[in-house]
Amino acid sequence: IRDGRMMDSDVVDYQTVYADRPGSVAAPTAGLHFTKPLIEQI
């Protein structure tokens, strides 16, 4: 992704909306697709 160059938006984009316990050095990427409204609909 952009040869590893970070953008300010990555701080939010590269994190799941339910992330709670610090410890990962890479995102669990399947979870990036969920929003809080979608979880509530589900």
Full PDB file with SEQRES, HELIX, SHEET, SSBOND, CRYST1, ORIGX, SCALE, CONECT and MASTER records, all heavy atoms in Angstrom:
SEQRES   1 A   42  ILE ARG ASP GLY ARG MET MET ASP SER ASP VAL VAL ASP          
SEQRES   2 A   42  TYR GLN THR VAL TYR ALA ASP ARG PRO GLY SER VAL ALA          
SEQRES   3 A   42  ALA PRO THR ALA GLY LEU HIS PHE THR LYS PRO LEU ILE          
SEQRES   4 A   42  GLU GLN ILE                                                  
HELIX    1 AA1 ARG A    2  GLY A    4  5                                   3    
HELIX    2 AA2 ASP A   10  ASP A   13  1                                   4    
HELIX    3 AA3 THR A   29  HIS A   33  5                                   5    
HELIX    4 AA4 LYS A   36  GLN A   41  1                                   6    
CRYST1    1.000    1.000    1.000  90.00  90.00  90.00 P 1           1          
ORIGX1      1.000000  0.000000  0.000000        0.00000                         
ORIGX2      0.000000  1.000000  0.000000        0.00000                         
ORIGX3      0.000000  0.000000  1.000000        0.00000                         
SCALE1      1.000000  0.000000  0.000000        0.00000                         
SCALE2      0.000000  1.000000  0.000000        0.00000                         
SCALE3      0.000000  0.000000  1.000000        0.00000                         
ATOM      1  N   ILE A   1       0.859  -1.184   0.000  1.00  0.00           N  
ATOM      2  CA  ILE A   1       0.000   0.000   0.000  1.00  0.00           C  
ATOM      3  C   ILE A   1       0.896   1.235   0.000  1.00  0.00           C  
ATOM      4  O   ILE A   1       1.593   1.525   0.978  1.00  0.00           O  
ATOM      5  CB  ILE A   1      -0.930   0.031   1.224  1.00  0.00           C  
ATOM      6  CG1 ILE A   1      -1.896  -1.156   1.190  1.00  0.00           C  
ATOM      7  CG2 ILE A   1      -1.712   1.345   1.274  1.00  0.00           C  
ATOM      8  CD1 ILE A   1      -2.788  -1.251   2.407  1.00  0.00           C  
ATOM      9  N   ARG A   2       0.941   1.935  -1.121  1.00  0.00           N  
ATOM     10  CA  ARG A   2       1.719   3.178  -1.239  1.00  0.00           C  
ATOM     11  C   ARG A   2       3.173   2.982  -0.796  1.00  0.00           C  
ATOM     12  O   ARG A   2       3.766   3.885  -0.177  1.00  0.00           O  
ATOM     13  CB  ARG A   2       1.055   4.303  -0.434  1.00  0.00           C  
ATOM     14  CG  ARG A   2      -0.399   4.585  -0.828  1.00  0.00           C  
ATOM     15  CD  ARG A   2      -0.947   5.781  -0.097  1.00  0.00           C  
ATOM     16  NE  ARG A   2      -1.003   5.605   1.341  1.00  0.00           N  
ATOM     17  CZ  ARG A   2      -2.059   5.086   1.994  1.00  0.00           C  
ATOM     18  NH1 ARG A   2      -3.147   4.722   1.321  1.00  0.00           N  
ATOM     19  NH2 ARG A   2      -2.029   4.950   3.301  1.00  0.00           N  
ATOM     20  N   ASP A   3       3.733   1.807  -1.055  1.00  0.00           N  
ATOM     21  CA  ASP A   3       5.112   1.499  -0.654  1.00  0.00           C  
ATOM     22  C   ASP A   3       5.333   1.715   0.837  1.00  0.00           C  
ATOM     23  O   ASP A   3       6.426   2.049   1.280  1.00  0.00           O  
ATOM     24  CB  ASP A   3       6.119   2.340  -1.444  1.00  0.00           C  
ATOM     25  CG  ASP A   3       6.114   1.993  -2.929  1.00  0.00           C  
ATOM     26  OD1 ASP A   3       5.955   0.793  -3.249  1.00  0.00           O  
ATOM     27  OD2 ASP A   3       6.247   2.905  -3.752  1.00  0.00           O  
ATOM     28  N   GLY A   4       4.261   1.493   1.638  1.00  0.00           N  
ATOM     29  CA  GLY A   4       4.364   1.615   3.081  1.00  0.00           C  
ATOM     30  C   GLY A   4       4.248   3.029   3.610  1.00  0.00           C  
ATOM     31  O   GLY A   4       4.406   3.255   4.817  1.00  0.00           O  
ATOM     32  N   ARG A   5       3.955   3.990   2.730  1.00  0.00           N  
ATOM     33  CA  ARG A   5       3.857   5.387   3.173  1.00  0.00           C  
ATOM     34  C   ARG A   5       2.506   5.632   3.827  1.00  0.00           C  
ATOM     35  O   ARG A   5       1.455   5.423   3.224  1.00  0.00           O  
ATOM     36  CB  ARG A   5       4.064   6.360   2.004  1.00  0.00           C  
ATOM     37  CG  ARG A   5       5.464   6.311   1.404  1.00  0.00           C  
ATOM     38  CD  ARG A   5       5.668   7.449   0.413  1.00  0.00           C  
ATOM     39  NE  ARG A   5       4.717   7.373  -0.681  1.00  0.00           N  
ATOM     40  CZ  ARG A   5       4.911   6.649  -1.787  1.00  0.00           C  
ATOM     41  NH1 ARG A   5       6.004   5.936  -1.922  1.00  0.00           N  
ATOM     42  NH2 ARG A   5       4.013   6.657  -2.746  1.00  0.00           N  
ATOM     43  N   MET A   6       2.541   6.113   5.043  1.00  0.00           N  
ATOM     44  CA  MET A   6       1.326   6.343   5.821  1.00  0.00           C  
ATOM     45  C   MET A   6       0.667   7.661   5.434  1.00  0.00           C  
ATOM     46  O   MET A   6       1.335   8.649   5.150  1.00  0.00           O  
ATOM     47  CB  MET A   6       1.687   6.357   7.311  1.00  0.00           C  
ATOM     48  CG  MET A   6       0.540   6.731   8.237  1.00  0.00           C  
ATOM     49  SD  MET A   6       1.109   6.919   9.940  1.00  0.00           S  
ATOM     50  CE  MET A   6      -0.319   7.752  10.656  1.00  0.00           C  
ATOM     51  N   MET A   7      -0.673   7.660   5.415  1.00  0.00           N  
ATOM     52  CA  MET A   7      -1.448   8.882   5.301  1.00  0.00           C  
ATOM     53  C   MET A   7      -2.184   9.102   6.621  1.00  0.00           C  
ATOM     54  O   MET A   7      -2.417   8.160   7.385  1.00  0.00           O  
ATOM     55  CB  MET A   7      -2.453   8.777   4.145  1.00  0.00           C  
ATOM     56  CG  MET A   7      -1.812   8.676   2.771  1.00  0.00           C  
ATOM     57  SD  MET A   7      -3.017   8.375   1.444  1.00  0.00           S  
ATOM     58  CE  MET A   7      -4.135   9.771   1.644  1.00  0.00           C  
ATOM     59  N   ASP A   8      -2.554  10.342   6.890  1.00  0.00           N  
ATOM     60  CA  ASP A   8      -3.260  10.633   8.142  1.00  0.00           C  
ATOM     61  C   ASP A   8      -4.521   9.802   8.286  1.00  0.00           C  
ATOM     62  O   ASP A   8      -4.885   9.370   9.388  1.00  0.00           O  
ATOM     63  CB  ASP A   8      -3.609  12.124   8.215  1.00  0.00           C  
ATOM     64  CG  ASP A   8      -2.383  13.010   8.401  1.00  0.00           C  
ATOM     65  OD1 ASP A   8      -1.325  12.471   8.799  1.00  0.00           O  
ATOM     66  OD2 ASP A   8      -2.485  14.224   8.152  1.00  0.00           O  
ATOM     67  N   SER A   9      -5.196   9.521   7.185  1.00  0.00           N  
ATOM     68  CA  SER A   9      -6.450   8.771   7.228  1.00  0.00           C  
ATOM     69  C   SER A   9      -6.259   7.325   7.670  1.00  0.00           C  
ATOM     70  O   SER A   9      -7.207   6.674   8.132  1.00  0.00           O  
ATOM     71  CB  SER A   9      -7.138   8.808   5.864  1.00  0.00           C  
ATOM     72  OG  SER A   9      -6.279   8.282   4.859  1.00  0.00           O  
ATOM     73  N   ASP A  10      -5.038   6.800   7.536  1.00  0.00           N  
ATOM     74  CA  ASP A  10      -4.789   5.406   7.913  1.00  0.00           C  
ATOM     75  C   ASP A  10      -5.001   5.166   9.406  1.00  0.00           C  
ATOM     76  O   ASP A  10      -5.267   4.043   9.816  1.00  0.00           O  
ATOM     77  CB  ASP A  10      -3.363   4.993   7.530  1.00  0.00           C  
ATOM     78  CG  ASP A  10      -3.153   4.952   6.028  1.00  0.00           C  
ATOM     79  OD1 ASP A  10      -4.069   4.502   5.317  1.00  0.00           O  
ATOM     80  OD2 ASP A  10      -2.072   5.370   5.568  1.00  0.00           O  
ATOM     81  N   VAL A  11      -4.852   6.202  10.213  1.00  0.00           N  
ATOM     82  CA  VAL A  11      -5.042   6.051  11.654  1.00  0.00           C  
ATOM     83  C   VAL A  11      -6.435   5.497  11.947  1.00  0.00           C  
ATOM     84  O   VAL A  11      -6.623   4.674  12.839  1.00  0.00           O  
ATOM     85  CB  VAL A  11      -4.827   7.399  12.373  1.00  0.00           C  
ATOM     86  CG1 VAL A  11      -5.174   7.285  13.848  1.00  0.00           C  
ATOM     87  CG2 VAL A  11      -3.388   7.861  12.195  1.00  0.00           C  
ATOM     88  N   VAL A  12      -7.422   5.932  11.172  1.00  0.00           N  
ATOM     89  CA  VAL A  12      -8.795   5.441  11.325  1.00  0.00           C  
ATOM     90  C   VAL A  12      -9.063   4.273  10.383  1.00  0.00           C  
ATOM     91  O   VAL A  12      -9.646   3.259  10.783  1.00  0.00           O  
ATOM     92  CB  VAL A  12      -9.804   6.576  11.061  1.00  0.00           C  
ATOM     93  CG1 VAL A  12     -11.238   6.035  11.056  1.00  0.00           C  
ATOM     94  CG2 VAL A  12      -9.651   7.669  12.120  1.00  0.00           C  
ATOM     95  N   ASP A  13      -8.627   4.383   9.133  1.00  0.00           N  
ATOM     96  CA  ASP A  13      -8.964   3.386   8.122  1.00  0.00           C  
ATOM     97  C   ASP A  13      -8.385   2.015   8.435  1.00  0.00           C  
ATOM     98  O   ASP A  13      -9.011   0.990   8.150  1.00  0.00           O  
ATOM     99  CB  ASP A  13      -8.459   3.835   6.740  1.00  0.00           C  
ATOM    100  CG  ASP A  13      -9.225   5.029   6.200  1.00  0.00           C  
ATOM    101  OD1 ASP A  13     -10.349   5.269   6.674  1.00  0.00           O  
ATOM    102  OD2 ASP A  13      -8.688   5.719   5.308  1.00  0.00           O  
ATOM    103  N   TYR A  14      -7.181   1.983   9.022  1.00  0.00           N  
ATOM    104  CA  TYR A  14      -6.483   0.715   9.260  1.00  0.00           C  
ATOM    105  C   TYR A  14      -6.760   0.218  10.687  1.00  0.00           C  
ATOM    106  O   TYR A  14      -5.864  -0.223  11.388  1.00  0.00           O  
ATOM    107  CB  TYR A  14      -4.984   0.907   9.028  1.00  0.00           C  
ATOM    108  CG  TYR A  14      -4.210  -0.383   8.794  1.00  0.00           C  
ATOM    109  CD1 TYR A  14      -4.491  -1.203   7.706  1.00  0.00           C  
ATOM    110  CD2 TYR A  14      -3.187  -0.758   9.652  1.00  0.00           C  
ATOM    111  CE1 TYR A  14      -3.781  -2.363   7.483  1.00  0.00           C  
ATOM    112  CE2 TYR A  14      -2.453  -1.922   9.435  1.00  0.00           C  
ATOM    113  CZ  TYR A  14      -2.763  -2.724   8.357  1.00  0.00           C  
ATOM    114  OH  TYR A  14      -2.053  -3.885   8.139  1.00  0.00           O  
ATOM    115  N   GLN A  15      -8.026   0.325  11.092  1.00  0.00           N  
ATOM    116  CA  GLN A  15      -8.445  -0.106  12.418  1.00  0.00           C  
ATOM    117  C   GLN A  15      -9.912  -0.518  12.336  1.00  0.00           C  
ATOM    118  O   GLN A  15     -10.721   0.164  11.704  1.00  0.00           O  
ATOM    119  CB  GLN A  15      -8.295   1.046  13.405  1.00  0.00           C  
ATOM    120  CG  GLN A  15      -8.333   0.669  14.870  1.00  0.00           C  
ATOM    121  CD  GLN A  15      -7.002   0.127  15.355  1.00  0.00           C  
ATOM    122  OE1 GLN A  15      -6.827  -1.088  15.373  1.00  0.00           O  
ATOM    123  NE2 GLN A  15      -6.079   1.007  15.735  1.00  0.00           N  
ATOM    124  N   THR A  16     -10.266  -1.640  12.950  1.00  0.00           N  
ATOM    125  CA  THR A  16     -11.678  -2.024  12.992  1.00  0.00           C  
ATOM    126  C   THR A  16     -12.427  -1.113  13.953  1.00  0.00           C  
ATOM    127  O   THR A  16     -11.841  -0.552  14.879  1.00  0.00           O  
ATOM    128  CB  THR A  16     -11.840  -3.489  13.438  1.00  0.00           C  
ATOM    129  OG1 THR A  16     -11.404  -3.615  14.801  1.00  0.00           O  
ATOM    130  CG2 THR A  16     -11.031  -4.433  12.556  1.00  0.00           C  
ATOM    131  N   VAL A  17     -13.730  -0.972  13.733  1.00  0.00           N  
ATOM    132  CA  VAL A  17     -14.522  -0.091  14.591  1.00  0.00           C  
ATOM    133  C   VAL A  17     -14.734  -0.698  15.978  1.00  0.00           C  
ATOM    134  O   VAL A  17     -15.137   0.007  16.906  1.00  0.00           O  
ATOM    135  CB  VAL A  17     -15.893   0.235  13.955  1.00  0.00           C  
ATOM    136  CG1 VAL A  17     -15.706   0.994  12.649  1.00  0.00           C  
ATOM    137  CG2 VAL A  17     -16.739  -1.024  13.745  1.00  0.00           C  
ATOM    138  N   TYR A  18     -14.455  -1.999  16.125  1.00  0.00           N  
ATOM    139  CA  TYR A  18     -14.618  -2.645  17.429  1.00  0.00           C  
ATOM    140  C   TYR A  18     -13.265  -2.985  18.067  1.00  0.00           C  
ATOM    141  O   TYR A  18     -13.212  -3.718  19.059  1.00  0.00           O  
ATOM    142  CB  TYR A  18     -15.474  -3.909  17.297  1.00  0.00           C  
ATOM    143  CG  TYR A  18     -15.088  -4.823  16.160  1.00  0.00           C  
ATOM    144  CD1 TYR A  18     -14.018  -5.710  16.272  1.00  0.00           C  
ATOM    145  CD2 TYR A  18     -15.793  -4.797  14.957  1.00  0.00           C  
ATOM    146  CE1 TYR A  18     -13.659  -6.539  15.227  1.00  0.00           C  
ATOM    147  CE2 TYR A  18     -15.441  -5.626  13.903  1.00  0.00           C  
ATOM    148  CZ  TYR A  18     -14.381  -6.491  14.047  1.00  0.00           C  
ATOM    149  OH  TYR A  18     -14.021  -7.320  13.006  1.00  0.00           O  
ATOM    150  N   ALA A  19     -12.179  -2.453  17.531  1.00  0.00           N  
ATOM    151  CA  ALA A  19     -10.857  -2.702  18.118  1.00  0.00           C  
ATOM    152  C   ALA A  19     -10.834  -2.218  19.561  1.00  0.00           C  
ATOM    153  O   ALA A  19     -11.270  -1.102  19.868  1.00  0.00           O  
ATOM    154  CB  ALA A  19      -9.781  -1.987  17.304  1.00  0.00           C  
ATOM    155  N   ASP A  20     -10.289  -3.061  20.453  1.00  0.00           N  
ATOM    156  CA  ASP A  20     -10.360  -2.728  21.878  1.00  0.00           C  
ATOM    157  C   ASP A  20      -9.080  -3.039  22.638  1.00  0.00           C  
ATOM    158  O   ASP A  20      -8.747  -2.359  23.596  1.00  0.00           O  
ATOM    159  CB  ASP A  20     -11.535  -3.499  22.504  1.00  0.00           C  
ATOM    160  CG  ASP A  20     -11.715  -3.198  23.972  1.00  0.00           C  
ATOM    161  OD1 ASP A  20     -11.885  -2.015  24.307  1.00  0.00           O  
ATOM    162  OD2 ASP A  20     -11.685  -4.141  24.795  1.00  0.00           O  
ATOM    163  N   ARG A  21      -8.343  -4.065  22.204  1.00  0.00           N  
ATOM    164  CA  ARG A  21      -7.199  -4.543  22.982  1.00  0.00           C  
ATOM    165  C   ARG A  21      -5.914  -4.344  22.193  1.00  0.00           C  
ATOM    166  O   ARG A  21      -5.659  -5.054  21.208  1.00  0.00           O  
ATOM    167  CB  ARG A  21      -7.404  -6.009  23.353  1.00  0.00           C  
ATOM    168  CG  ARG A  21      -8.727  -6.242  24.091  1.00  0.00           C  
ATOM    169  CD  ARG A  21      -8.909  -7.685  24.498  1.00  0.00           C  
ATOM    170  NE  ARG A  21      -7.929  -8.068  25.510  1.00  0.00           N  
ATOM    171  CZ  ARG A  21      -7.835  -9.301  26.010  1.00  0.00           C  
ATOM    172  NH1 ARG A  21      -8.666 -10.248  25.602  1.00  0.00           N  
ATOM    173  NH2 ARG A  21      -6.914  -9.570  26.919  1.00  0.00           N  
ATOM    174  N   PRO A  22      -5.079  -3.362  22.559  1.00  0.00           N  
ATOM    175  CA  PRO A  22      -3.858  -3.065  21.794  1.00  0.00           C  
ATOM    176  C   PRO A  22      -2.905  -4.251  21.761  1.00  0.00           C  
ATOM    177  O   PRO A  22      -2.756  -4.966  22.748  1.00  0.00           O  
ATOM    178  CB  PRO A  22      -3.243  -1.887  22.564  1.00  0.00           C  
ATOM    179  CG  PRO A  22      -4.359  -1.304  23.358  1.00  0.00           C  
ATOM    180  CD  PRO A  22      -5.247  -2.466  23.705  1.00  0.00           C  
ATOM    181  N   GLY A  23      -2.276  -4.461  20.591  1.00  0.00           N  
ATOM    182  CA  GLY A  23      -1.298  -5.532  20.514  1.00  0.00           C  
ATOM    183  C   GLY A  23      -0.919  -5.969  19.115  1.00  0.00           C  
ATOM    184  O   GLY A  23       0.083  -6.645  18.936  1.00  0.00           O  
ATOM    185  N   SER A  24      -1.688  -5.599  18.095  1.00  0.00           N  
ATOM    186  CA  SER A  24      -1.405  -6.055  16.734  1.00  0.00           C  
ATOM    187  C   SER A  24      -0.493  -5.084  16.003  1.00  0.00           C  
ATOM    188  O   SER A  24      -0.581  -3.866  16.187  1.00  0.00           O  
ATOM    189  CB  SER A  24      -2.702  -6.219  15.934  1.00  0.00           C  
ATOM    190  OG  SER A  24      -3.390  -7.387  16.302  1.00  0.00           O  
ATOM    191  N   VAL A  25       0.378  -5.634  15.139  1.00  0.00           N  
ATOM    192  CA  VAL A  25       1.209  -4.798  14.283  1.00  0.00           C  
ATOM    193  C   VAL A  25       0.676  -4.787  12.854  1.00  0.00           C  
ATOM    194  O   VAL A  25       1.272  -4.160  11.973  1.00  0.00           O  
ATOM    195  CB  VAL A  25       2.681  -5.254  14.305  1.00  0.00           C  
ATOM    196  CG1 VAL A  25       3.242  -5.176  15.721  1.00  0.00           C  
ATOM    197  CG2 VAL A  25       2.849  -6.648  13.741  1.00  0.00           C  
ATOM    198  N   ALA A  26      -0.430  -5.464  12.623  1.00  0.00           N  
ATOM    199  CA  ALA A  26      -1.127  -5.430  11.338  1.00  0.00           C  
ATOM    200  C   ALA A  26      -2.609  -5.634  11.626  1.00  0.00           C  
ATOM    201  O   ALA A  26      -2.977  -6.299  12.600  1.00  0.00           O  
ATOM    202  CB  ALA A  26      -0.607  -6.511  10.395  1.00  0.00           C  
ATOM    203  N   ALA A  27      -3.456  -5.067  10.803  1.00  0.00           N  
ATOM    204  CA  ALA A  27      -4.893  -5.133  11.050  1.00  0.00           C  
ATOM    205  C   ALA A  27      -5.461  -6.501  10.704  1.00  0.00           C  
ATOM    206  O   ALA A  27      -5.035  -7.122   9.725  1.00  0.00           O  
ATOM    207  CB  ALA A  27      -5.613  -4.061  10.234  1.00  0.00           C  
ATOM    208  N   PRO A  28      -6.444  -6.983  11.487  1.00  0.00           N  
ATOM    209  CA  PRO A  28      -7.245  -8.133  11.056  1.00  0.00           C  
ATOM    210  C   PRO A  28      -8.217  -7.645   9.979  1.00  0.00           C  
ATOM    211  O   PRO A  28      -9.308  -7.176  10.262  1.00  0.00           O  
ATOM    212  CB  PRO A  28      -7.956  -8.565  12.345  1.00  0.00           C  
ATOM    213  CG  PRO A  28      -8.010  -7.336  13.189  1.00  0.00           C  
ATOM    214  CD  PRO A  28      -6.842  -6.478  12.805  1.00  0.00           C  
ATOM    215  N   THR A  29      -7.807  -7.754   8.729  1.00  0.00           N  
ATOM    216  CA  THR A  29      -8.374  -6.928   7.662  1.00  0.00           C  
ATOM    217  C   THR A  29      -9.820  -7.243   7.299  1.00  0.00           C  
ATOM    218  O   THR A  29     -10.525  -6.360   6.806  1.00  0.00           O  
ATOM    219  CB  THR A  29      -7.498  -7.017   6.398  1.00  0.00           C  
ATOM    220  OG1 THR A  29      -7.326  -8.385   6.017  1.00  0.00           O  
ATOM    221  CG2 THR A  29      -6.135  -6.400   6.662  1.00  0.00           C  
ATOM    222  N   ALA A  30     -10.284  -8.470   7.509  1.00  0.00           N  
ATOM    223  CA  ALA A  30     -11.688  -8.752   7.188  1.00  0.00           C  
ATOM    224  C   ALA A  30     -12.620  -7.868   8.007  1.00  0.00           C  
ATOM    225  O   ALA A  30     -13.682  -7.462   7.542  1.00  0.00           O  
ATOM    226  CB  ALA A  30     -11.997 -10.229   7.430  1.00  0.00           C  
ATOM    227  N   GLY A  31     -12.193  -7.541   9.224  1.00  0.00           N  
ATOM    228  CA  GLY A  31     -13.021  -6.717  10.097  1.00  0.00           C  
ATOM    229  C   GLY A  31     -13.072  -5.261   9.699  1.00  0.00           C  
ATOM    230  O   GLY A  31     -13.932  -4.514  10.183  1.00  0.00           O  
ATOM    231  N   LEU A  32     -12.181  -4.826   8.801  1.00  0.00           N  
ATOM    232  CA  LEU A  32     -12.176  -3.421   8.386  1.00  0.00           C  
ATOM    233  C   LEU A  32     -13.442  -3.037   7.640  1.00  0.00           C  
ATOM    234  O   LEU A  32     -13.746  -1.852   7.493  1.00  0.00           O  
ATOM    235  CB  LEU A  32     -10.957  -3.129   7.505  1.00  0.00           C  
ATOM    236  CG  LEU A  32      -9.576  -3.274   8.159  1.00  0.00           C  
ATOM    237  CD1 LEU A  32      -8.480  -2.971   7.141  1.00  0.00           C  
ATOM    238  CD2 LEU A  32      -9.431  -2.370   9.371  1.00  0.00           C  
ATOM    239  N   HIS A  33     -14.184  -4.022   7.149  1.00  0.00           N  
ATOM    240  CA  HIS A  33     -15.368  -3.730   6.341  1.00  0.00           C  
ATOM    241  C   HIS A  33     -16.596  -3.359   7.175  1.00  0.00           C  
ATOM    242  O   HIS A  33     -17.583  -2.872   6.632  1.00  0.00           O  
ATOM    243  CB  HIS A  33     -15.717  -4.945   5.476  1.00  0.00           C  
ATOM    244  CG  HIS A  33     -14.650  -5.302   4.492  1.00  0.00           C  
ATOM    245  ND1 HIS A  33     -14.333  -4.506   3.422  1.00  0.00           N  
ATOM    246  CD2 HIS A  33     -13.808  -6.364   4.428  1.00  0.00           C  
ATOM    247  CE1 HIS A  33     -13.351  -5.067   2.731  1.00  0.00           C  
ATOM    248  NE2 HIS A  33     -13.015  -6.193   3.324  1.00  0.00           N  
ATOM    249  N   PHE A  34     -16.556  -3.593   8.478  1.00  0.00           N  
ATOM    250  CA  PHE A  34     -17.739  -3.398   9.305  1.00  0.00           C  
ATOM    251  C   PHE A  34     -17.821  -1.969   9.838  1.00  0.00           C  
ATOM    252  O   PHE A  34     -16.811  -1.357  10.178  1.00  0.00           O  
ATOM    253  CB  PHE A  34     -17.734  -4.383  10.481  1.00  0.00           C  
ATOM    254  CG  PHE A  34     -18.012  -5.793  10.077  1.00  0.00           C  
ATOM    255  CD1 PHE A  34     -16.988  -6.615   9.621  1.00  0.00           C  
ATOM    256  CD2 PHE A  34     -19.292  -6.315  10.134  1.00  0.00           C  
ATOM    257  CE1 PHE A  34     -17.227  -7.919   9.243  1.00  0.00           C  
ATOM    258  CE2 PHE A  34     -19.549  -7.621   9.750  1.00  0.00           C  
ATOM    259  CZ  PHE A  34     -18.519  -8.423   9.302  1.00  0.00           C  
ATOM    260  N   THR A  35     -19.051  -1.470   9.891  1.00  0.00           N  
ATOM    261  CA  THR A  35     -19.351  -0.214  10.576  1.00  0.00           C  
ATOM    262  C   THR A  35     -20.278  -0.527  11.741  1.00  0.00           C  
ATOM    263  O   THR A  35     -20.914  -1.596  11.778  1.00  0.00           O  
ATOM    264  CB  THR A  35     -20.050   0.780   9.636  1.00  0.00           C  
ATOM    265  OG1 THR A  35     -21.315   0.212   9.224  1.00  0.00           O  
ATOM    266  CG2 THR A  35     -19.200   1.072   8.400  1.00  0.00           C  
ATOM    267  N   LYS A  36     -20.380   0.398  12.677  1.00  0.00           N  
ATOM    268  CA  LYS A  36     -21.276   0.164  13.818  1.00  0.00           C  
ATOM    269  C   LYS A  36     -22.734   0.043  13.377  1.00  0.00           C  
ATOM    270  O   LYS A  36     -23.457  -0.831  13.881  1.00  0.00           O  
ATOM    271  CB  LYS A  36     -21.079   1.264  14.861  1.00  0.00           C  
ATOM    272  CG  LYS A  36     -19.728   1.170  15.560  1.00  0.00           C  
ATOM    273  CD  LYS A  36     -19.559   2.240  16.629  1.00  0.00           C  
ATOM    274  CE  LYS A  36     -18.211   2.052  17.341  1.00  0.00           C  
ATOM    275  NZ  LYS A  36     -18.004   3.107  18.378  1.00  0.00           N  
ATOM    276  N   PRO A  37     -23.216   0.872  12.433  1.00  0.00           N  
ATOM    277  CA  PRO A  37     -24.595   0.670  11.963  1.00  0.00           C  
ATOM    278  C   PRO A  37     -24.807  -0.695  11.302  1.00  0.00           C  
ATOM    279  O   PRO A  37     -25.858  -1.316  11.496  1.00  0.00           O  
ATOM    280  CB  PRO A  37     -24.809   1.806  10.962  1.00  0.00           C  
ATOM    281  CG  PRO A  37     -23.866   2.881  11.415  1.00  0.00           C  
ATOM    282  CD  PRO A  37     -22.664   2.143  11.912  1.00  0.00           C  
ATOM    283  N   LEU A  38     -23.819  -1.180  10.535  1.00  0.00           N  
ATOM    284  CA  LEU A  38     -23.966  -2.498   9.912  1.00  0.00           C  
ATOM    285  C   LEU A  38     -24.033  -3.592  10.970  1.00  0.00           C  
ATOM    286  O   LEU A  38     -24.851  -4.519  10.865  1.00  0.00           O  
ATOM    287  CB  LEU A  38     -22.804  -2.768   8.958  1.00  0.00           C  
ATOM    288  CG  LEU A  38     -22.802  -4.164   8.314  1.00  0.00           C  
ATOM    289  CD1 LEU A  38     -24.032  -4.354   7.416  1.00  0.00           C  
ATOM    290  CD2 LEU A  38     -21.521  -4.403   7.517  1.00  0.00           C  
ATOM    291  N   ILE A  39     -23.207  -3.503  11.985  1.00  0.00           N  
ATOM    292  CA  ILE A  39     -23.235  -4.512  13.055  1.00  0.00           C  
ATOM    293  C   ILE A  39     -24.602  -4.511  13.734  1.00  0.00           C  
ATOM    294  O   ILE A  39     -25.160  -5.577  14.043  1.00  0.00           O  
ATOM    295  CB  ILE A  39     -22.104  -4.245  14.064  1.00  0.00           C  
ATOM    296  CG1 ILE A  39     -20.743  -4.496  13.396  1.00  0.00           C  
ATOM    297  CG2 ILE A  39     -22.258  -5.129  15.307  1.00  0.00           C  
ATOM    298  CD1 ILE A  39     -19.558  -4.077  14.241  1.00  0.00           C  
ATOM    299  N   GLU A  40     -25.165  -3.336  13.941  1.00  0.00           N  
ATOM    300  CA  GLU A  40     -26.487  -3.264  14.565  1.00  0.00           C  
ATOM    301  C   GLU A  40     -27.546  -3.879  13.649  1.00  0.00           C  
ATOM    302  O   GLU A  40     -28.444  -4.605  14.114  1.00  0.00           O  
ATOM    303  CB  GLU A  40     -26.837  -1.807  14.880  1.00  0.00           C  
ATOM    304  CG  GLU A  40     -28.176  -1.626  15.584  1.00  0.00           C  
ATOM    305  CD  GLU A  40     -28.283  -2.404  16.880  1.00  0.00           C  
ATOM    306  OE1 GLU A  40     -27.268  -2.576  17.585  1.00  0.00           O  
ATOM    307  OE2 GLU A  40     -29.421  -2.870  17.182  1.00  0.00           O  
ATOM    308  N   GLN A  41     -27.475  -3.621  12.352  1.00  0.00           N  
ATOM    309  CA  GLN A  41     -28.416  -4.237  11.413  1.00  0.00           C  
ATOM    310  C   GLN A  41     -28.303  -5.763  11.439  1.00  0.00           C  
ATOM    311  O   GLN A  41     -29.315  -6.477  11.400  1.00  0.00           O  
ATOM    312  CB  GLN A  41     -28.165  -3.729  10.000  1.00  0.00           C  
ATOM    313  CG  GLN A  41     -28.479  -2.262   9.781  1.00  0.00           C  
ATOM    314  CD  GLN A  41     -28.027  -1.797   8.404  1.00  0.00           C  
ATOM    315  OE1 GLN A  41     -27.963  -2.565   7.454  1.00  0.00           O  
ATOM    316  NE2 GLN A  41     -27.676  -0.520   8.295  1.00  0.00           N  
ATOM    317  N   ILE A  42     -27.080  -6.251  11.488  1.00  0.00           N  
ATOM    318  CA  ILE A  42     -26.854  -7.698  11.529  1.00  0.00           C  
ATOM    319  C   ILE A  42     -27.499  -8.303  12.771  1.00  0.00           C  
ATOM    320  O   ILE A  42     -28.172  -9.347  12.705  1.00  0.00           O  
ATOM    321  CB  ILE A  42     -25.332  -7.976  11.492  1.00  0.00           C  
ATOM    322  CG1 ILE A  42     -24.794  -7.737  10.071  1.00  0.00           C  
ATOM    323  CG2 ILE A  42     -25.009  -9.402  11.947  1.00  0.00           C  
ATOM    324  CD1 ILE A  42     -23.283  -7.750   9.974  1.00  0.00           C  
TER     325      ILE A  42                                                      
MASTER        0    0    0    4    0    0    0    6  324    1    0    4          
END                                                                             
